[in-house]
Amino acid sequence: MTHYTAKYTKIPSGYMGQIVEWPEVVTEGRTLEDCRDMLKDALKEMVKAYRKQRKRIPLGGALLEQLAVAM
């Protein structure tokens, strides 16, 4: 099993989710839970499509860190 890093951003219509290691995997949901579920589904579908097309599937395991900066 490969683990991927999800990034969620609050937007006016709810939340946008994106896979850090695979930026093409992106979705939106009304709630964070909806967005998370749809992002997991989008990731599964993208893996299936890449396998079918014999494309290289990006590796997971990114490290995400928040950095603070004085403004």
PDB file of N, CA and C in Angstrom:
ATOM      1  N   MET A   1       0.845  -1.178   0.000  1.00  0.00           N
ATOM      2  CA  MET A   1       0.000   0.000   0.000  1.00  0.00           C
ATOM      3  C   MET A   1       0.887   1.237   0.000  1.00  0.00           C
ATOM      4  N   THR A   2       0.551   2.194  -0.832  1.00  0.00           N
ATOM      5  CA  THR A   2       1.283   3.453  -0.906  1.00  0.00           C
ATOM      6  C   THR A   2       0.467   4.541  -0.227  1.00  0.00           C
ATOM      7  N   HIS A   3       1.146   5.388   0.521  1.00  0.00           N
ATOM      8  CA  HIS A   3       0.475   6.501   1.195  1.00  0.00           C
ATOM      9  C   HIS A   3       0.794   7.802   0.469  1.00  0.00           C
ATOM     10  N   TYR A   4      -0.228   8.619   0.276  1.00  0.00           N
ATOM     11  CA  TYR A   4      -0.078   9.911  -0.376  1.00  0.00           C
ATOM     12  C   TYR A   4      -0.445  11.023   0.603  1.00  0.00           C
ATOM     13  N   THR A   5       0.052  12.207   0.318  1.00  0.00           N
ATOM     14  CA  THR A   5      -0.167  13.362   1.176  1.00  0.00           C
ATOM     15  C   THR A   5      -1.249  14.243   0.575  1.00  0.00           C
ATOM     16  N   ALA A   6      -2.316  14.485   1.337  1.00  0.00           N
ATOM     17  CA  ALA A   6      -3.421  15.324   0.881  1.00  0.00           C
ATOM     18  C   ALA A   6      -3.278  16.727   1.460  1.00  0.00           C
ATOM     19  N   LYS A   7      -3.591  17.708   0.638  1.00  0.00           N
ATOM     20  CA  LYS A   7      -3.575  19.107   1.060  1.00  0.00           C
ATOM     21  C   LYS A   7      -4.988  19.651   0.868  1.00  0.00           C
ATOM     22  N   TYR A   8      -5.542  20.261   1.907  1.00  0.00           N
ATOM     23  CA  TYR A   8      -6.900  20.802   1.839  1.00  0.00           C
ATOM     24  C   TYR A   8      -6.861  22.315   2.009  1.00  0.00           C
ATOM     25  N   THR A   9      -7.635  22.995   1.176  1.00  0.00           N
ATOM     26  CA  THR A   9      -7.712  24.449   1.215  1.00  0.00           C
ATOM     27  C   THR A   9      -9.169  24.860   1.334  1.00  0.00           C
ATOM     28  N   LYS A  10      -9.461  25.742   2.263  1.00  0.00           N
ATOM     29  CA  LYS A  10     -10.825  26.271   2.412  1.00  0.00           C
ATOM     30  C   LYS A  10     -11.095  27.217   1.252  1.00  0.00           C
ATOM     31  N   ILE A  11     -12.203  27.001   0.560  1.00  0.00           N
ATOM     32  CA  ILE A  11     -12.624  27.842  -0.557  1.00  0.00           C
ATOM     33  C   ILE A  11     -14.067  28.269  -0.307  1.00  0.00           C
ATOM     34  N   PRO A  12     -14.578  29.271  -1.033  1.00  0.00           N
ATOM     35  CA  PRO A  12     -15.944  29.751  -0.781  1.00  0.00           C
ATOM     36  C   PRO A  12     -17.030  28.664  -0.835  1.00  0.00           C
ATOM     37  N   SER A  13     -16.857  27.671  -1.700  1.00  0.00           N
ATOM     38  CA  SER A  13     -17.882  26.630  -1.830  1.00  0.00           C
ATOM     39  C   SER A  13     -17.655  25.438  -0.899  1.00  0.00           C
ATOM     40  N   GLY A  14     -16.599  25.461  -0.104  1.00  0.00           N
ATOM     41  CA  GLY A  14     -16.307  24.351   0.808  1.00  0.00           C
ATOM     42  C   GLY A  14     -14.819  24.134   0.941  1.00  0.00           C
ATOM     43  N   TYR A  15     -14.342  23.003   0.388  1.00  0.00           N
ATOM     44  CA  TYR A  15     -12.927  22.657   0.470  1.00  0.00           C
ATOM     45  C   TYR A  15     -12.429  22.118  -0.862  1.00  0.00           C
ATOM     46  N   MET A  16     -11.168  22.423  -1.159  1.00  0.00           N
ATOM     47  CA  MET A  16     -10.495  21.846  -2.307  1.00  0.00           C
ATOM     48  C   MET A  16      -9.426  20.917  -1.757  1.00  0.00           C
ATOM     49  N   GLY A  17      -9.333  19.707  -2.308  1.00  0.00           N
ATOM     50  CA  GLY A  17      -8.317  18.751  -1.898  1.00  0.00           C
ATOM     51  C   GLY A  17      -7.431  18.402  -3.070  1.00  0.00           C
ATOM     52  N   GLN A  18      -6.148  18.211  -2.780  1.00  0.00           N
ATOM     53  CA  GLN A  18      -5.189  17.887  -3.827  1.00  0.00           C
ATOM     54  C   GLN A  18      -4.141  16.945  -3.251  1.00  0.00           C
ATOM     55  N   ILE A  19      -3.672  16.019  -4.075  1.00  0.00           N
ATOM     56  CA  ILE A  19      -2.595  15.123  -3.678  1.00  0.00           C
ATOM     57  C   ILE A  19      -1.269  15.834  -3.965  1.00  0.00           C
ATOM     58  N   VAL A  20      -0.461  16.009  -2.937  1.00  0.00           N
ATOM     59  CA  VAL A  20       0.790  16.761  -3.050  1.00  0.00           C
ATOM     60  C   VAL A  20       1.725  16.127  -4.078  1.00  0.00           C
ATOM     61  N   GLU A  21       1.894  14.813  -4.012  1.00  0.00           N
ATOM     62  CA  GLU A  21       2.815  14.125  -4.910  1.00  0.00           C
ATOM     63  C   GLU A  21       2.264  13.966  -6.327  1.00  0.00           C
ATOM     64  N   TRP A  22       0.981  14.220  -6.506  1.00  0.00           N
ATOM     65  CA  TRP A  22       0.312  13.991  -7.784  1.00  0.00           C
ATOM     66  C   TRP A  22      -0.692  15.128  -7.991  1.00  0.00           C
ATOM     67  N   PRO A  23      -0.232  16.330  -8.343  1.00  0.00           N
ATOM     68  CA  PRO A  23      -1.090  17.518  -8.398  1.00  0.00           C
ATOM     69  C   PRO A  23      -2.302  17.414  -9.323  1.00  0.00           C
ATOM     70  N   GLU A  24      -2.267  16.492 -10.269  1.00  0.00           N
ATOM     71  CA  GLU A  24      -3.425  16.319 -11.162  1.00  0.00           C
ATOM     72  C   GLU A  24      -4.624  15.726 -10.434  1.00  0.00           C
ATOM     73  N   VAL A  25      -4.404  15.123  -9.282  1.00  0.00           N
ATOM     74  CA  VAL A  25      -5.502  14.555  -8.495  1.00  0.00           C
ATOM     75  C   VAL A  25      -6.023  15.651  -7.575  1.00  0.00           C
ATOM     76  N   VAL A  26      -7.132  16.234  -7.973  1.00  0.00           N
ATOM     77  CA  VAL A  26      -7.706  17.371  -7.255  1.00  0.00           C
ATOM     78  C   VAL A  26      -9.222  17.274  -7.295  1.00  0.00           C
ATOM     79  N   THR A  27      -9.877  17.715  -6.243  1.00  0.00           N
ATOM     80  CA  THR A  27     -11.333  17.689  -6.189  1.00  0.00           C
ATOM     81  C   THR A  27     -11.833  18.729  -5.200  1.00  0.00           C
ATOM     82  N   GLU A  28     -13.141  18.898  -5.155  1.00  0.00           N
ATOM     83  CA  GLU A  28     -13.768  19.825  -4.214  1.00  0.00           C
ATOM     84  C   GLU A  28     -14.925  19.130  -3.517  1.00  0.00           C
ATOM     85  N   GLY A  29     -15.222  19.591  -2.307  1.00  0.00           N
ATOM     86  CA  GLY A  29     -16.357  19.064  -1.565  1.00  0.00           C
ATOM     87  C   GLY A  29     -16.961  20.134  -0.681  1.00  0.00           C
ATOM     88  N   ARG A  30     -18.225  19.978  -0.363  1.00  0.00           N
ATOM     89  CA  ARG A  30     -18.927  20.957   0.468  1.00  0.00           C
ATOM     90  C   ARG A  30     -18.350  20.991   1.875  1.00  0.00           C
ATOM     91  N   THR A  31     -18.035  19.810   2.408  1.00  0.00           N
ATOM     92  CA  THR A  31     -17.420  19.707   3.729  1.00  0.00           C
ATOM     93  C   THR A  31     -16.047  19.058   3.588  1.00  0.00           C
ATOM     94  N   LEU A  32     -15.250  19.150   4.633  1.00  0.00           N
ATOM     95  CA  LEU A  32     -13.936  18.515   4.608  1.00  0.00           C
ATOM     96  C   LEU A  32     -14.076  17.006   4.429  1.00  0.00           C
ATOM     97  N   GLU A  33     -15.058  16.416   5.084  1.00  0.00           N
ATOM     98  CA  GLU A  33     -15.276  14.970   4.953  1.00  0.00           C
ATOM     99  C   GLU A  33     -15.657  14.593   3.533  1.00  0.00           C
ATOM    100  N   ASP A  34     -16.554  15.383   2.902  1.00  0.00           N
ATOM    101  CA  ASP A  34     -16.929  15.135   1.504  1.00  0.00           C
ATOM    102  C   ASP A  34     -15.710  15.229   0.601  1.00  0.00           C
ATOM    103  N   CYS A  35     -14.926  16.257   0.809  1.00  0.00           N
ATOM    104  CA  CYS A  35     -13.735  16.473  -0.004  1.00  0.00           C
ATOM    105  C   CYS A  35     -12.759  15.317   0.164  1.00  0.00           C
ATOM    106  N   ARG A  36     -12.552  14.876   1.384  1.00  0.00           N
ATOM    107  CA  ARG A  36     -11.641  13.762   1.665  1.00  0.00           C
ATOM    108  C   ARG A  36     -12.113  12.492   0.953  1.00  0.00           C
ATOM    109  N   ASP A  37     -13.403  12.192   1.048  1.00  0.00           N
ATOM    110  CA  ASP A  37     -13.945  11.000   0.392  1.00  0.00           C
ATOM    111  C   ASP A  37     -13.781  11.074  -1.123  1.00  0.00           C
ATOM    112  N   MET A  38     -14.078  12.243  -1.694  1.00  0.00           N
ATOM    113  CA  MET A  38     -13.970  12.393  -3.144  1.00  0.00           C
ATOM    114  C   MET A  38     -12.516  12.354  -3.599  1.00  0.00           C
ATOM    115  N   LEU A  39     -11.606  12.869  -2.764  1.00  0.00           N
ATOM    116  CA  LEU A  39     -10.192  12.838  -3.115  1.00  0.00           C
ATOM    117  C   LEU A  39      -9.669  11.401  -3.118  1.00  0.00           C
ATOM    118  N   LYS A  40     -10.081  10.607  -2.141  1.00  0.00           N
ATOM    119  CA  LYS A  40      -9.689   9.191  -2.112  1.00  0.00           C
ATOM    120  C   LYS A  40     -10.197   8.479  -3.357  1.00  0.00           C
ATOM    121  N   ASP A  41     -11.449   8.754  -3.746  1.00  0.00           N
ATOM    122  CA  ASP A  41     -12.023   8.132  -4.928  1.00  0.00           C
ATOM    123  C   ASP A  41     -11.285   8.581  -6.189  1.00  0.00           C
ATOM    124  N   ALA A  42     -10.986   9.881  -6.274  1.00  0.00           N
ATOM    125  CA  ALA A  42     -10.252  10.397  -7.439  1.00  0.00           C
ATOM    126  C   ALA A  42      -8.874   9.762  -7.536  1.00  0.00           C
ATOM    127  N   LEU A  43      -8.212   9.563  -6.404  1.00  0.00           N
ATOM    128  CA  LEU A  43      -6.894   8.932  -6.394  1.00  0.00           C
ATOM    129  C   LEU A  43      -6.978   7.490  -6.888  1.00  0.00           C
ATOM    130  N   LYS A  44      -7.963   6.745  -6.401  1.00  0.00           N
ATOM    131  CA  LYS A  44      -8.143   5.358  -6.846  1.00  0.00           C
ATOM    132  C   LYS A  44      -8.382   5.291  -8.354  1.00  0.00           C
ATOM    133  N   GLU A  45      -9.219   6.187  -8.865  1.00  0.00           N
ATOM    134  CA  GLU A  45      -9.530   6.199 -10.296  1.00  0.00           C
ATOM    135  C   GLU A  45      -8.306   6.577 -11.129  1.00  0.00           C
ATOM    136  N   MET A  46      -7.493   7.507 -10.621  1.00  0.00           N
ATOM    137  CA  MET A  46      -6.291   7.920 -11.342  1.00  0.00           C
ATOM    138  C   MET A  46      -5.289   6.766 -11.393  1.00  0.00           C
ATOM    139  N   VAL A  47      -5.155   6.030 -10.297  1.00  0.00           N
ATOM    140  CA  VAL A  47      -4.267   4.862 -10.291  1.00  0.00           C
ATOM    141  C   VAL A  47      -4.732   3.851 -11.333  1.00  0.00           C
ATOM    142  N   LYS A  48      -6.034   3.584 -11.367  1.00  0.00           N
ATOM    143  CA  LYS A  48      -6.574   2.637 -12.362  1.00  0.00           C
ATOM    144  C   LYS A  48      -6.268   3.102 -13.778  1.00  0.00           C
ATOM    145  N   ALA A  49      -6.508   4.384 -14.054  1.00  0.00           N
ATOM    146  CA  ALA A  49      -6.278   4.926 -15.395  1.00  0.00           C
ATOM    147  C   ALA A  49      -4.799   4.848 -15.782  1.00  0.00           C
ATOM    148  N   TYR A  50      -3.905   5.183 -14.848  1.00  0.00           N
ATOM    149  CA  TYR A  50      -2.479   5.125 -15.148  1.00  0.00           C
ATOM    150  C   TYR A  50      -2.040   3.684 -15.401  1.00  0.00           C
ATOM    151  N   ARG A  51      -2.555   2.754 -14.622  1.00  0.00           N
ATOM    152  CA  ARG A  51      -2.196   1.346 -14.838  1.00  0.00           C
ATOM    153  C   ARG A  51      -2.669   0.875 -16.203  1.00  0.00           C
ATOM    154  N   LYS A  52      -3.878   1.248 -16.565  1.00  0.00           N
ATOM    155  CA  LYS A  52      -4.437   0.850 -17.855  1.00  0.00           C
ATOM    156  C   LYS A  52      -3.605   1.407 -19.008  1.00  0.00           C
ATOM    157  N   GLN A  53      -3.122   2.638 -18.832  1.00  0.00           N
ATOM    158  CA  GLN A  53      -2.317   3.282 -19.875  1.00  0.00           C
ATOM    159  C   GLN A  53      -0.820   2.965 -19.748  1.00  0.00           C
ATOM    160  N   ARG A  54      -0.484   2.157 -18.749  1.00  0.00           N
ATOM    161  CA  ARG A  54       0.905   1.773 -18.486  1.00  0.00           C
ATOM    162  C   ARG A  54       1.806   2.979 -18.247  1.00  0.00           C
ATOM    163  N   LYS A  55       1.259   3.967 -17.575  1.00  0.00           N
ATOM    164  CA  LYS A  55       2.033   5.148 -17.189  1.00  0.00           C
ATOM    165  C   LYS A  55       2.644   4.922 -15.814  1.00  0.00           C
ATOM    166  N   ARG A  56       3.719   5.637 -15.548  1.00  0.00           N
ATOM    167  CA  ARG A  56       4.380   5.553 -14.241  1.00  0.00           C
ATOM    168  C   ARG A  56       3.526   6.270 -13.196  1.00  0.00           C
ATOM    169  N   ILE A  57       3.208   5.566 -12.123  1.00  0.00           N
ATOM    170  CA  ILE A  57       2.408   6.133 -11.037  1.00  0.00           C
ATOM    171  C   ILE A  57       3.355   6.862 -10.088  1.00  0.00           C
ATOM    172  N   PRO A  58       3.083   8.147  -9.786  1.00  0.00           N
ATOM    173  CA  PRO A  58       3.953   8.884  -8.869  1.00  0.00           C
ATOM    174  C   PRO A  58       4.046   8.197  -7.507  1.00  0.00           C
ATOM    175  N   LEU A  59       5.217   8.281  -6.909  1.00  0.00           N
ATOM    176  CA  LEU A  59       5.440   7.711  -5.589  1.00  0.00           C
ATOM    177  C   LEU A  59       4.827   8.611  -4.529  1.00  0.00           C
ATOM    178  N   GLY A  60       4.372   8.026  -3.466  1.00  0.00           N
ATOM    179  CA  GLY A  60       3.825   8.784  -2.349  1.00  0.00           C
ATOM    180  C   GLY A  60       4.895   9.042  -1.311  1.00  0.00           C
ATOM    181  N   GLY A  61       4.451   9.460  -0.132  1.00  0.00           N
ATOM    182  CA  GLY A  61       5.363   9.620   0.991  1.00  0.00           C
ATOM    183  C   GLY A  61       5.975  10.985   1.154  1.00  0.00           C
ATOM    184  N   ALA A  62       5.338  12.022   0.635  1.00  0.00           N
ATOM    185  CA  ALA A  62       5.878  13.373   0.805  1.00  0.00           C
ATOM    186  C   ALA A  62       5.788  13.793   2.269  1.00  0.00           C
ATOM    187  N   LEU A  63       6.631  14.706   2.634  1.00  0.00           N
ATOM    188  CA  LEU A  63       6.595  15.287   3.966  1.00  0.00           C
ATOM    189  C   LEU A  63       6.069  16.701   3.823  1.00  0.00           C
ATOM    190  N   LEU A  64       5.008  17.012   4.534  1.00  0.00           N
ATOM    191  CA  LEU A  64       4.395  18.332   4.466  1.00  0.00           C
ATOM    192  C   LEU A  64       4.684  19.055   5.766  1.00  0.00           C
ATOM    193  N   GLU A  65       5.150  20.276   5.653  1.00  0.00           N
ATOM    194  CA  GLU A  65       5.521  21.043   6.836  1.00  0.00           C
ATOM    195  C   GLU A  65       4.982  22.457   6.705  1.00  0.00           C
ATOM    196  N   GLN A  66       4.442  22.989   7.784  1.00  0.00           N
ATOM    197  CA  GLN A  66       4.006  24.381   7.791  1.00  0.00           C
ATOM    198  C   GLN A  66       5.133  25.249   8.317  1.00  0.00           C
ATOM    199  N   LEU A  67       5.405  26.326   7.613  1.00  0.00           N
ATOM    200  CA  LEU A  67       6.430  27.255   8.034  1.00  0.00           C
ATOM    201  C   LEU A  67       5.783  28.592   8.384  1.00  0.00           C
ATOM    202  N   ALA A  68       6.195  29.190   9.478  1.00  0.00           N
ATOM    203  CA  ALA A  68       5.654  30.484   9.894  1.00  0.00           C
ATOM    204  C   ALA A  68       6.615  31.593   9.482  1.00  0.00           C
ATOM    205  N   VAL A  69       6.065  32.698   9.084  1.00  0.00           N
ATOM    206  CA  VAL A  69       6.875  33.849   8.731  1.00  0.00           C
ATOM    207  C   VAL A  69       6.169  35.105   9.244  1.00  0.00           C
ATOM    208  N   ALA A  70       6.922  36.014   9.845  1.00  0.00           N
ATOM    209  CA  ALA A  70       6.348  37.261  10.333  1.00  0.00           C
ATOM    210  C   ALA A  70       6.002  38.157   9.155  1.00  0.00           C
ATOM    211  N   MET A  71       4.849  38.752   9.217  1.00  0.00           N
ATOM    212  CA  MET A  71       4.414  39.623   8.106  1.00  0.00           C
ATOM    213  C   MET A  71       4.241  41.030   8.614  1.00  0.00           C
TER     214      MET A  71
END
